[in-house]
Amino acid sequence: MPTMATGNEENGSDMQSESEESSYSMARLKLESLLNKNMRIRMTDGRTLVGLFLCTDRDCNVILGSAQEFLKSTDSFSQGEPRVLGLAMIPGHHVVSIEVESESLVNNSQGM
C-alpha cells in the first residue's frame, strides 16, 4: 500500500532550525529598517540611481521612489545634471553596489 509523504518529506528537509529562522528574522528586520531611506545604487552599465528604498523581492530587484539617474561621467570632477525618473525598478542582476546615504541614517537615529 503506498504511503503518503508528509509536508516535510516532500520538501526533502525537516522544519527549519531555530538559528535559520532567527537569521531570517534578523535579515528581515535589517531590510525593514532601511525602508524609506535614501539609497545610491550603482549599476553594471555605469549609471547611478539615487532614491528612497521602497521594496525588494527574492530576486534582489529593487524599487526606488523619487529616483534620480546620474550618468557615468568621463570627467571625474563633474557628475552632470541628474535625470528625474520618479518610481524606478532596478533588476537585481544589474546591481553592482548599494549604499545607504549617511544623512538618512543620522536623521533616523536622532528621531528615535
PDB file of N, CA and C in Angstrom:
ATOM      1  N   MET A   1       0.844  -1.179   0.000  1.00  0.00           N
ATOM      2  CA  MET A   1       0.000   0.000   0.000  1.00  0.00           C
ATOM      3  C   MET A   1       0.890   1.242   0.000  1.00  0.00           C
ATOM      4  N   PRO A   2       0.697   2.197  -0.936  1.00  0.00           N
ATOM      5  CA  PRO A   2       1.549   3.378  -0.985  1.00  0.00           C
ATOM      6  C   PRO A   2       1.303   4.271   0.227  1.00  0.00           C
ATOM      7  N   THR A   3       2.377   4.875   0.669  1.00  0.00           N
ATOM      8  CA  THR A   3       2.266   5.795   1.805  1.00  0.00           C
ATOM      9  C   THR A   3       2.302   7.218   1.287  1.00  0.00           C
ATOM     10  N   MET A   4       1.613   8.075   1.984  1.00  0.00           N
ATOM     11  CA  MET A   4       1.607   9.489   1.599  1.00  0.00           C
ATOM     12  C   MET A   4       2.779  10.186   2.263  1.00  0.00           C
ATOM     13  N   ALA A   5       3.438  11.013   1.529  1.00  0.00           N
ATOM     14  CA  ALA A   5       4.550  11.783   2.078  1.00  0.00           C
ATOM     15  C   ALA A   5       4.001  12.957   2.869  1.00  0.00           C
ATOM     16  N   THR A   6       4.624  13.232   3.986  1.00  0.00           N
ATOM     17  CA  THR A   6       4.213  14.397   4.768  1.00  0.00           C
ATOM     18  C   THR A   6       4.785  15.642   4.124  1.00  0.00           C
ATOM     19  N   GLY A   7       4.332  16.797   4.552  1.00  0.00           N
ATOM     20  CA  GLY A   7       4.818  18.067   4.006  1.00  0.00           C
ATOM     21  C   GLY A   7       6.317  18.200   4.149  1.00  0.00           C
ATOM     22  N   ASN A   8       6.869  17.738   5.266  1.00  0.00           N
ATOM     23  CA  ASN A   8       8.311  17.847   5.489  1.00  0.00           C
ATOM     24  C   ASN A   8       9.084  16.935   4.550  1.00  0.00           C
ATOM     25  N   GLU A   9       8.557  15.735   4.301  1.00  0.00           N
ATOM     26  CA  GLU A   9       9.253  14.813   3.417  1.00  0.00           C
ATOM     27  C   GLU A   9       9.215  15.292   1.973  1.00  0.00           C
ATOM     28  N   GLU A  10       8.121  15.935   1.567  1.00  0.00           N
ATOM     29  CA  GLU A  10       8.018  16.443   0.201  1.00  0.00           C
ATOM     30  C   GLU A  10       9.083  17.492  -0.073  1.00  0.00           C
ATOM     31  N   ASN A  11       9.376  18.307   0.907  1.00  0.00           N
ATOM     32  CA  ASN A  11      10.392  19.341   0.742  1.00  0.00           C
ATOM     33  C   ASN A  11      11.793  18.779   0.841  1.00  0.00           C
ATOM     34  N   GLY A  12      11.921  17.562   1.325  1.00  0.00           N
ATOM     35  CA  GLY A  12      13.242  16.957   1.422  1.00  0.00           C
ATOM     36  C   GLY A  12      14.025  17.441   2.625  1.00  0.00           C
ATOM     37  N   SER A  13      13.347  18.079   3.578  1.00  0.00           N
ATOM     38  CA  SER A  13      14.061  18.548   4.756  1.00  0.00           C
ATOM     39  C   SER A  13      13.108  18.616   5.929  1.00  0.00           C
ATOM     40  N   ASP A  14      13.674  18.639   7.094  1.00  0.00           N
ATOM     41  CA  ASP A  14      12.878  18.831   8.301  1.00  0.00           C
ATOM     42  C   ASP A  14      12.538  20.297   8.434  1.00  0.00           C
ATOM     43  N   MET A  15      11.821  20.617   9.494  1.00  0.00           N
ATOM     44  CA  MET A  15      11.477  22.022   9.739  1.00  0.00           C
ATOM     45  C   MET A  15      12.752  22.829   9.893  1.00  0.00           C
ATOM     46  N   GLN A  16      12.660  24.127   9.580  1.00  0.00           N
ATOM     47  CA  GLN A  16      13.833  24.989   9.699  1.00  0.00           C
ATOM     48  C   GLN A  16      14.293  25.009  11.144  1.00  0.00           C
ATOM     49  N   SER A  17      15.598  25.030  11.324  1.00  0.00           N
ATOM     50  CA  SER A  17      16.117  25.126  12.679  1.00  0.00           C
ATOM     51  C   SER A  17      15.893  26.533  13.208  1.00  0.00           C
ATOM     52  N   GLU A  18      15.954  26.673  14.513  1.00  0.00           N
ATOM     53  CA  GLU A  18      15.719  27.980  15.132  1.00  0.00           C
ATOM     54  C   GLU A  18      16.758  28.998  14.687  1.00  0.00           C
ATOM     55  N   SER A  19      18.007  28.569  14.477  1.00  0.00           N
ATOM     56  CA  SER A  19      19.039  29.516  14.059  1.00  0.00           C
ATOM     57  C   SER A  19      18.766  30.059  12.659  1.00  0.00           C
ATOM     58  N   GLU A  20      18.256  29.219  11.752  1.00  0.00           N
ATOM     59  CA  GLU A  20      17.902  29.687  10.414  1.00  0.00           C
ATOM     60  C   GLU A  20      16.761  30.687  10.489  1.00  0.00           C
ATOM     61  N   GLU A  21      15.783  30.392  11.343  1.00  0.00           N
ATOM     62  CA  GLU A  21      14.647  31.301  11.492  1.00  0.00           C
ATOM     63  C   GLU A  21      15.086  32.631  12.083  1.00  0.00           C
ATOM     64  N   SER A  22      15.998  32.585  13.060  1.00  0.00           N
ATOM     65  CA  SER A  22      16.428  33.841  13.679  1.00  0.00           C
ATOM     66  C   SER A  22      17.272  34.665  12.719  1.00  0.00           C
ATOM     67  N   SER A  23      18.106  34.030  11.883  1.00  0.00           N
ATOM     68  CA  SER A  23      18.893  34.793  10.912  1.00  0.00           C
ATOM     69  C   SER A  23      17.981  35.384   9.840  1.00  0.00           C
ATOM     70  N   TYR A  24      16.926  34.639   9.469  1.00  0.00           N
ATOM     71  CA  TYR A  24      15.932  35.171   8.526  1.00  0.00           C
ATOM     72  C   TYR A  24      15.236  36.370   9.150  1.00  0.00           C
ATOM     73  N   SER A  25      14.853  36.261  10.401  1.00  0.00           N
ATOM     74  CA  SER A  25      14.175  37.364  11.092  1.00  0.00           C
ATOM     75  C   SER A  25      15.077  38.583  11.201  1.00  0.00           C
ATOM     76  N   MET A  26      16.358  38.357  11.496  1.00  0.00           N
ATOM     77  CA  MET A  26      17.295  39.480  11.612  1.00  0.00           C
ATOM     78  C   MET A  26      17.487  40.159  10.259  1.00  0.00           C
ATOM     79  N   ALA A  27      17.575  39.378   9.195  1.00  0.00           N
ATOM     80  CA  ALA A  27      17.737  39.942   7.856  1.00  0.00           C
ATOM     81  C   ALA A  27      16.494  40.735   7.472  1.00  0.00           C
ATOM     82  N   ARG A  28      15.342  40.206   7.812  1.00  0.00           N
ATOM     83  CA  ARG A  28      14.091  40.910   7.517  1.00  0.00           C
ATOM     84  C   ARG A  28      14.018  42.223   8.294  1.00  0.00           C
ATOM     85  N   LEU A  29      14.400  42.198   9.569  1.00  0.00           N
ATOM     86  CA  LEU A  29      14.406  43.416  10.380  1.00  0.00           C
ATOM     87  C   LEU A  29      15.367  44.455   9.811  1.00  0.00           C
ATOM     88  N   LYS A  30      16.533  44.001   9.344  1.00  0.00           N
ATOM     89  CA  LYS A  30      17.514  44.910   8.750  1.00  0.00           C
ATOM     90  C   LYS A  30      16.931  45.576   7.501  1.00  0.00           C
ATOM     91  N   LEU A  31      16.307  44.768   6.631  1.00  0.00           N
ATOM     92  CA  LEU A  31      15.689  45.320   5.421  1.00  0.00           C
ATOM     93  C   LEU A  31      14.574  46.301   5.785  1.00  0.00           C
ATOM     94  N   GLU A  32      13.757  45.945   6.767  1.00  0.00           N
ATOM     95  CA  GLU A  32      12.671  46.834   7.181  1.00  0.00           C
ATOM     96  C   GLU A  32      13.217  48.148   7.735  1.00  0.00           C
ATOM     97  N   SER A  33      14.370  48.101   8.401  1.00  0.00           N
ATOM     98  CA  SER A  33      14.959  49.332   8.945  1.00  0.00           C
ATOM     99  C   SER A  33      15.462  50.262   7.836  1.00  0.00           C
ATOM    100  N   LEU A  34      15.694  49.708   6.652  1.00  0.00           N
ATOM    101  CA  LEU A  34      16.184  50.506   5.527  1.00  0.00           C
ATOM    102  C   LEU A  34      15.059  51.110   4.683  1.00  0.00           C
ATOM    103  N   LEU A  35      13.819  50.708   4.943  1.00  0.00           N
ATOM    104  CA  LEU A  35      12.695  51.245   4.179  1.00  0.00           C
ATOM    105  C   LEU A  35      12.632  52.759   4.315  1.00  0.00           C
ATOM    106  N   ASN A  36      12.344  53.425   3.216  1.00  0.00           N
ATOM    107  CA  ASN A  36      12.219  54.888   3.145  1.00  0.00           C
ATOM    108  C   ASN A  36      13.516  55.629   3.447  1.00  0.00           C
ATOM    109  N   LYS A  37      14.648  54.952   3.299  1.00  0.00           N
ATOM    110  CA  LYS A  37      15.956  55.600   3.428  1.00  0.00           C
ATOM    111  C   LYS A  37      16.462  55.920   2.026  1.00  0.00           C
ATOM    112  N   ASN A  38      17.249  56.987   1.911  1.00  0.00           N
ATOM    113  CA  ASN A  38      17.866  57.320   0.626  1.00  0.00           C
ATOM    114  C   ASN A  38      18.969  56.324   0.321  1.00  0.00           C
ATOM    115  N   MET A  39      18.933  55.775  -0.883  1.00  0.00           N
ATOM    116  CA  MET A  39      19.943  54.802  -1.312  1.00  0.00           C
ATOM    117  C   MET A  39      20.562  55.230  -2.619  1.00  0.00           C
ATOM    118  N   ARG A  40      21.818  54.854  -2.781  1.00  0.00           N
ATOM    119  CA  ARG A  40      22.560  55.079  -4.019  1.00  0.00           C
ATOM    120  C   ARG A  40      22.882  53.693  -4.571  1.00  0.00           C
ATOM    121  N   ILE A  41      22.368  53.415  -5.769  1.00  0.00           N
ATOM    122  CA  ILE A  41      22.576  52.105  -6.390  1.00  0.00           C
ATOM    123  C   ILE A  41      23.392  52.285  -7.654  1.00  0.00           C
ATOM    124  N   ARG A  42      24.548  51.626  -7.702  1.00  0.00           N
ATOM    125  CA  ARG A  42      25.391  51.635  -8.900  1.00  0.00           C
ATOM    126  C   ARG A  42      25.028  50.420  -9.736  1.00  0.00           C
ATOM    127  N   MET A  43      24.937  50.652 -11.059  1.00  0.00           N
ATOM    128  CA  MET A  43      24.506  49.590 -11.956  1.00  0.00           C
ATOM    129  C   MET A  43      25.636  49.161 -12.888  1.00  0.00           C
ATOM    130  N   THR A  44      25.463  48.003 -13.514  1.00  0.00           N
ATOM    131  CA  THR A  44      26.500  47.420 -14.365  1.00  0.00           C
ATOM    132  C   THR A  44      26.863  48.294 -15.554  1.00  0.00           C
ATOM    133  N   ASP A  45      25.928  49.136 -16.029  1.00  0.00           N
ATOM    134  CA  ASP A  45      26.213  49.988 -17.184  1.00  0.00           C
ATOM    135  C   ASP A  45      26.831  51.329 -16.798  1.00  0.00           C
ATOM    136  N   GLY A  46      27.149  51.518 -15.510  1.00  0.00           N
ATOM    137  CA  GLY A  46      27.813  52.732 -15.064  1.00  0.00           C
ATOM    138  C   GLY A  46      26.879  53.795 -14.518  1.00  0.00           C
ATOM    139  N   ARG A  47      25.575  53.627 -14.706  1.00  0.00           N
ATOM    140  CA  ARG A  47      24.635  54.606 -14.155  1.00  0.00           C
ATOM    141  C   ARG A  47      24.521  54.438 -12.646  1.00  0.00           C
ATOM    142  N   THR A  48      24.127  55.528 -11.988  1.00  0.00           N
ATOM    143  CA  THR A  48      23.857  55.515 -10.557  1.00  0.00           C
ATOM    144  C   THR A  48      22.462  56.070 -10.341  1.00  0.00           C
ATOM    145  N   LEU A  49      21.659  55.344  -9.567  1.00  0.00           N
ATOM    146  CA  LEU A  49      20.316  55.814  -9.227  1.00  0.00           C
ATOM    147  C   LEU A  49      20.286  56.139  -7.746  1.00  0.00           C
ATOM    148  N   VAL A  50      19.673  57.264  -7.408  1.00  0.00           N
ATOM    149  CA  VAL A  50      19.524  57.684  -6.022  1.00  0.00           C
ATOM    150  C   VAL A  50      18.048  57.891  -5.768  1.00  0.00           C
ATOM    151  N   GLY A  51      17.536  57.301  -4.683  1.00  0.00           N
ATOM    152  CA  GLY A  51      16.119  57.464  -4.357  1.00  0.00           C
ATOM    153  C   GLY A  51      15.779  56.771  -3.062  1.00  0.00           C
ATOM    154  N   LEU A  52      14.508  56.809  -2.705  1.00  0.00           N
ATOM    155  CA  LEU A  52      14.023  56.187  -1.479  1.00  0.00           C
ATOM    156  C   LEU A  52      13.807  54.697  -1.702  1.00  0.00           C
ATOM    157  N   PHE A  53      14.350  53.873  -0.822  1.00  0.00           N
ATOM    158  CA  PHE A  53      14.174  52.430  -0.890  1.00  0.00           C
ATOM    159  C   PHE A  53      12.747  52.090  -0.478  1.00  0.00           C
ATOM    160  N   LEU A  54      11.981  51.536  -1.423  1.00  0.00           N
ATOM    161  CA  LEU A  54      10.587  51.199  -1.142  1.00  0.00           C
ATOM    162  C   LEU A  54      10.362  49.706  -0.949  1.00  0.00           C
ATOM    163  N   CYS A  55      11.010  48.877  -1.768  1.00  0.00           N
ATOM    164  CA  CYS A  55      10.848  47.434  -1.581  1.00  0.00           C
ATOM    165  C   CYS A  55      11.867  46.663  -2.414  1.00  0.00           C
ATOM    166  N   THR A  56      11.939  45.375  -2.122  1.00  0.00           N
ATOM    167  CA  THR A  56      12.780  44.444  -2.863  1.00  0.00           C
ATOM    168  C   THR A  56      12.042  43.107  -2.914  1.00  0.00           C
ATOM    169  N   ASP A  57      12.580  42.154  -3.656  1.00  0.00           N
ATOM    170  CA  ASP A  57      11.985  40.823  -3.711  1.00  0.00           C
ATOM    171  C   ASP A  57      13.082  39.766  -3.648  1.00  0.00           C
ATOM    172  N   ARG A  58      12.687  38.519  -3.762  1.00  0.00           N
ATOM    173  CA  ARG A  58      13.661  37.428  -3.611  1.00  0.00           C
ATOM    174  C   ARG A  58      14.700  37.399  -4.729  1.00  0.00           C
ATOM    175  N   ASP A  59      14.423  38.060  -5.855  1.00  0.00           N
ATOM    176  CA  ASP A  59      15.379  38.128  -6.962  1.00  0.00           C
ATOM    177  C   ASP A  59      16.304  39.337  -6.852  1.00  0.00           C
ATOM    178  N   CYS A  60      16.212  40.053  -5.741  1.00  0.00           N
ATOM    179  CA  CYS A  60      17.036  41.242  -5.467  1.00  0.00           C
ATOM    180  C   CYS A  60      16.700  42.420  -6.372  1.00  0.00           C
ATOM    181  N   ASN A  61      15.527  42.403  -7.003  1.00  0.00           N
ATOM    182  CA  ASN A  61      15.071  43.593  -7.709  1.00  0.00           C
ATOM    183  C   ASN A  61      14.770  44.650  -6.656  1.00  0.00           C
ATOM    184  N   VAL A  62      15.031  45.910  -6.973  1.00  0.00           N
ATOM    185  CA  VAL A  62      14.841  46.995  -6.018  1.00  0.00           C
ATOM    186  C   VAL A  62      13.923  48.044  -6.619  1.00  0.00           C
ATOM    187  N   ILE A  63      13.008  48.554  -5.817  1.00  0.00           N
ATOM    188  CA  ILE A  63      12.139  49.655  -6.216  1.00  0.00           C
ATOM    189  C   ILE A  63      12.576  50.896  -5.455  1.00  0.00           C
ATOM    190  N   LEU A  64      12.883  51.967  -6.197  1.00  0.00           N
ATOM    191  CA  LEU A  64      13.224  53.251  -5.599  1.00  0.00           C
ATOM    192  C   LEU A  64      12.140  54.262  -5.943  1.00  0.00           C
ATOM    193  N   GLY A  65      11.769  55.082  -4.971  1.00  0.00           N
ATOM    194  CA  GLY A  65      10.831  56.166  -5.200  1.00  0.00           C
ATOM    195  C   GLY A  65      11.587  57.477  -5.306  1.00  0.00           C
ATOM    196  N   SER A  66      11.020  58.440  -5.991  1.00  0.00           N
ATOM    197  CA  SER A  66      11.651  59.754  -6.194  1.00  0.00           C
ATOM    198  C   SER A  66      13.083  59.595  -6.701  1.00  0.00           C
ATOM    199  N   ALA A  67      13.261  58.670  -7.623  1.00  0.00           N
ATOM    200  CA  ALA A  67      14.602  58.321  -8.111  1.00  0.00           C
ATOM    201  C   ALA A  67      15.142  59.350  -9.099  1.00  0.00           C
ATOM    202  N   GLN A  68      16.454  59.538  -9.011  1.00  0.00           N
ATOM    203  CA  GLN A  68      17.193  60.362  -9.973  1.00  0.00           C
ATOM    204  C   GLN A  68      18.313  59.512 -10.538  1.00  0.00           C
ATOM    205  N   GLU A  69      18.567  59.694 -11.830  1.00  0.00           N
ATOM    206  CA  GLU A  69      19.600  58.934 -12.522  1.00  0.00           C
ATOM    207  C   GLU A  69      20.792  59.841 -12.805  1.00  0.00           C
ATOM    208  N   PHE A  70      21.973  59.344 -12.470  1.00  0.00           N
ATOM    209  CA  PHE A  70      23.219  60.040 -12.777  1.00  0.00           C
ATOM    210  C   PHE A  70      23.991  59.172 -13.745  1.00  0.00           C
ATOM    211  N   LEU A  71      24.385  59.751 -14.878  1.00  0.00           N
ATOM    212  CA  LEU A  71      25.149  59.006 -15.870  1.00  0.00           C
ATOM    213  C   LEU A  71      26.608  58.939 -15.465  1.00  0.00           C
ATOM    214  N   LYS A  72      27.275  57.894 -15.933  1.00  0.00           N
ATOM    215  CA  LYS A  72      28.704  57.765 -15.673  1.00  0.00           C
ATOM    216  C   LYS A  72      29.421  58.918 -16.356  1.00  0.00           C
ATOM    217  N   SER A  73      30.195  59.635 -15.571  1.00  0.00           N
ATOM    218  CA  SER A  73      30.863  60.821 -16.075  1.00  0.00           C
ATOM    219  C   SER A  73      32.262  60.473 -16.581  1.00  0.00           C
ATOM    220  N   THR A  74      32.651  61.065 -17.709  1.00  0.00           N
ATOM    221  CA  THR A  74      34.017  60.872 -18.206  1.00  0.00           C
ATOM    222  C   THR A  74      34.972  61.774 -17.429  1.00  0.00           C
ATOM    223  N   ASP A  75      34.438  62.893 -16.931  1.00  0.00           N
ATOM    224  CA  ASP A  75      35.228  63.814 -16.116  1.00  0.00           C
ATOM    225  C   ASP A  75      34.976  63.473 -14.651  1.00  0.00           C
ATOM    226  N   SER A  76      36.028  63.142 -13.915  1.00  0.00           N
ATOM    227  CA  SER A  76      35.858  62.690 -12.535  1.00  0.00           C
ATOM    228  C   SER A  76      35.363  63.791 -11.607  1.00  0.00           C
ATOM    229  N   PHE A  77      35.424  65.049 -12.038  1.00  0.00           N
ATOM    230  CA  PHE A  77      35.012  66.149 -11.165  1.00  0.00           C
ATOM    231  C   PHE A  77      33.534  66.509 -11.305  1.00  0.00           C
ATOM    232  N   SER A  78      32.907  66.154 -12.412  1.00  0.00           N
ATOM    233  CA  SER A  78      31.512  66.564 -12.600  1.00  0.00           C
ATOM    234  C   SER A  78      30.623  65.346 -12.802  1.00  0.00           C
ATOM    235  N   GLN A  79      29.496  65.345 -12.136  1.00  0.00           N
ATOM    236  CA  GLN A  79      28.511  64.275 -12.298  1.00  0.00           C
ATOM    237  C   GLN A  79      27.466  64.636 -13.339  1.00  0.00           C
ATOM    238  N   GLY A  80      27.332  65.932 -13.664  1.00  0.00           N
ATOM    239  CA  GLY A  80      26.312  66.343 -14.608  1.00  0.00           C
ATOM    240  C   GLY A  80      24.970  66.485 -13.911  1.00  0.00           C
ATOM    241  N   GLU A  81      23.979  66.894 -14.695  1.00  0.00           N
ATOM    242  CA  GLU A  81      22.635  67.075 -14.157  1.00  0.00           C
ATOM    243  C   GLU A  81      21.938  65.726 -14.040  1.00  0.00           C
ATOM    244  N   PRO A  82      21.244  65.500 -12.927  1.00  0.00           N
ATOM    245  CA  PRO A  82      20.506  64.239 -12.800  1.00  0.00           C
ATOM    246  C   PRO A  82      19.252  64.254 -13.661  1.00  0.00           C
ATOM    247  N   ARG A  83      18.831  63.094 -14.060  1.00  0.00           N
ATOM    248  CA  ARG A  83      17.572  62.950 -14.784  1.00  0.00           C
ATOM    249  C   ARG A  83      16.550  62.411 -13.786  1.00  0.00           C
ATOM    250  N   VAL A  84      15.432  63.083 -13.633  1.00  0.00           N
ATOM    251  CA  VAL A  84      14.406  62.660 -12.679  1.00  0.00           C
ATOM    252  C   VAL A  84      13.603  61.514 -13.281  1.00  0.00           C
ATOM    253  N   LEU A  85      13.558  60.387 -12.555  1.00  0.00           N
ATOM    254  CA  LEU A  85      12.829  59.212 -13.033  1.00  0.00           C
ATOM    255  C   LEU A  85      11.517  59.001 -12.287  1.00  0.00           C
ATOM    256  N   GLY A  86      11.466  59.400 -11.034  1.00  0.00           N
ATOM    257  CA  GLY A  86      10.278  59.114 -10.218  1.00  0.00           C
ATOM    258  C   GLY A  86      10.399  57.712  -9.640  1.00  0.00           C
ATOM    259  N   LEU A  87       9.449  56.843  -9.941  1.00  0.00           N
ATOM    260  CA  LEU A  87       9.460  55.465  -9.456  1.00  0.00           C
ATOM    261  C   LEU A  87      10.291  54.616 -10.419  1.00  0.00           C
ATOM    262  N   ALA A  88      11.276  53.886  -9.886  1.00  0.00           N
ATOM    263  CA  ALA A  88      12.164  53.103 -10.749  1.00  0.00           C
ATOM    264  C   ALA A  88      12.358  51.701 -10.195  1.00  0.00           C
ATOM    265  N   MET A  89      12.378  50.712 -11.096  1.00  0.00           N
ATOM    266  CA  MET A  89      12.669  49.339 -10.717  1.00  0.00           C
ATOM    267  C   MET A  89      14.024  48.971 -11.294  1.00  0.00           C
ATOM    268  N   ILE A  90      14.924  48.520 -10.422  1.00  0.00           N
ATOM    269  CA  ILE A  90      16.265  48.122 -10.853  1.00  0.00           C
ATOM    270  C   ILE A  90      16.345  46.600 -10.770  1.00  0.00           C
ATOM    271  N   PRO A  91      16.549  45.918 -11.899  1.00  0.00           N
ATOM    272  CA  PRO A  91      16.686  44.455 -11.855  1.00  0.00           C
ATOM    273  C   PRO A  91      17.906  44.053 -11.029  1.00  0.00           C
ATOM    274  N   GLY A  92      17.736  43.054 -10.199  1.00  0.00           N
ATOM    275  CA  GLY A  92      18.803  42.622  -9.301  1.00  0.00           C
ATOM    276  C   GLY A  92      20.097  42.271 -10.013  1.00  0.00           C
ATOM    277  N   HIS A  93      20.018  41.696 -11.209  1.00  0.00           N
ATOM    278  CA  HIS A  93      21.239  41.295 -11.918  1.00  0.00           C
ATOM    279  C   HIS A  93      22.010  42.495 -12.471  1.00  0.00           C
ATOM    280  N   HIS A  94      21.443  43.709 -12.407  1.00  0.00           N
ATOM    281  CA  HIS A  94      22.147  44.915 -12.851  1.00  0.00           C
ATOM    282  C   HIS A  94      22.761  45.695 -11.690  1.00  0.00           C
ATOM    283  N   VAL A  95      22.499  45.262 -10.459  1.00  0.00           N
ATOM    284  CA  VAL A  95      23.001  45.977  -9.282  1.00  0.00           C
ATOM    285  C   VAL A  95      24.456  45.599  -9.028  1.00  0.00           C
ATOM    286  N   VAL A  96      25.316  46.613  -8.953  1.00  0.00           N
ATOM    287  CA  VAL A  96      26.723  46.405  -8.609  1.00  0.00           C
ATOM    288  C   VAL A  96      26.935  46.663  -7.129  1.00  0.00           C
ATOM    289  N   SER A  97      26.388  47.788  -6.639  1.00  0.00           N
ATOM    290  CA  SER A  97      26.524  48.096  -5.214  1.00  0.00           C
ATOM    291  C   SER A  97      25.346  48.944  -4.763  1.00  0.00           C
ATOM    292  N   ILE A  98      25.075  48.848  -3.468  1.00  0.00           N
ATOM    293  CA  ILE A  98      24.014  49.630  -2.844  1.00  0.00           C
ATOM    294  C   ILE A  98      24.595  50.305  -1.614  1.00  0.00           C
ATOM    295  N   GLU A  99      24.389  51.616  -1.521  1.00  0.00           N
ATOM    296  CA  GLU A  99      24.839  52.365  -0.347  1.00  0.00           C
ATOM    297  C   GLU A  99      23.654  53.109   0.234  1.00  0.00           C
ATOM    298  N   VAL A 100      23.556  53.090   1.561  1.00  0.00           N
ATOM    299  CA  VAL A 100      22.553  53.909   2.231  1.00  0.00           C
ATOM    300  C   VAL A 100      23.222  55.232   2.523  1.00  0.00           C
ATOM    301  N   GLU A 101      22.587  56.328   2.107  1.00  0.00           N
ATOM    302  CA  GLU A 101      23.192  57.631   2.328  1.00  0.00           C
ATOM    303  C   GLU A 101      23.219  57.928   3.820  1.00  0.00           C
ATOM    304  N   SER A 102      24.350  58.410   4.306  1.00  0.00           N
ATOM    305  CA  SER A 102      24.574  58.593   5.741  1.00  0.00           C
ATOM    306  C   SER A 102      23.591  59.576   6.367  1.00  0.00           C
ATOM    307  N   GLU A 103      23.177  60.616   5.642  1.00  0.00           N
ATOM    308  CA  GLU A 103      22.210  61.576   6.177  1.00  0.00           C
ATOM    309  C   GLU A 103      20.924  60.861   6.567  1.00  0.00           C
ATOM    310  N   SER A 104      20.544  59.887   5.776  1.00  0.00           N
ATOM    311  CA  SER A 104      19.322  59.144   6.015  1.00  0.00           C
ATOM    312  C   SER A 104      19.415  58.356   7.313  1.00  0.00           C
ATOM    313  N   LEU A 105      20.584  57.777   7.587  1.00  0.00           N
ATOM    314  CA  LEU A 105      20.779  57.012   8.821  1.00  0.00           C
ATOM    315  C   LEU A 105      20.853  57.923  10.033  1.00  0.00           C
ATOM    316  N   VAL A 106      21.519  59.072   9.915  1.00  0.00           N
ATOM    317  CA  VAL A 106      21.663  60.009  11.017  1.00  0.00           C
ATOM    318  C   VAL A 106      20.298  60.563  11.414  1.00  0.00           C
ATOM    319  N   ASN A 107      19.499  60.955  10.440  1.00  0.00           N
ATOM    320  CA  ASN A 107      18.176  61.500  10.719  1.00  0.00           C
ATOM    321  C   ASN A 107      17.306  60.489  11.436  1.00  0.00           C
ATOM    322  N   ASN A 108      17.411  59.226  11.068  1.00  0.00           N
ATOM    323  CA  ASN A 108      16.590  58.189  11.679  1.00  0.00           C
ATOM    324  C   ASN A 108      17.001  57.966  13.137  1.00  0.00           C
ATOM    325  N   SER A 109      18.285  57.926  13.423  1.00  0.00           N
ATOM    326  CA  SER A 109      18.733  57.658  14.793  1.00  0.00           C
ATOM    327  C   SER A 109      18.430  58.836  15.709  1.00  0.00           C
ATOM    328  N   GLN A 110      18.419  60.056  15.183  1.00  0.00           N
ATOM    329  CA  GLN A 110      18.090  61.214  16.007  1.00  0.00           C
ATOM    330  C   GLN A 110      16.596  61.271  16.286  1.00  0.00           C
ATOM    331  N   GLY A 111      15.796  60.763  15.392  1.00  0.00           N
ATOM    332  CA  GLY A 111      14.348  60.800  15.552  1.00  0.00           C
ATOM    333  C   GLY A 111      13.830  59.817  16.562  1.00  0.00           C
ATOM    334  N   MET A 112      14.635  58.844  16.939  1.00  0.00           N
ATOM    335  CA  MET A 112      14.171  57.817  17.877  1.00  0.00           C
ATOM    336  C   MET A 112      14.490  58.156  19.279  1.00  0.00           C
TER     337      MET A 112
END
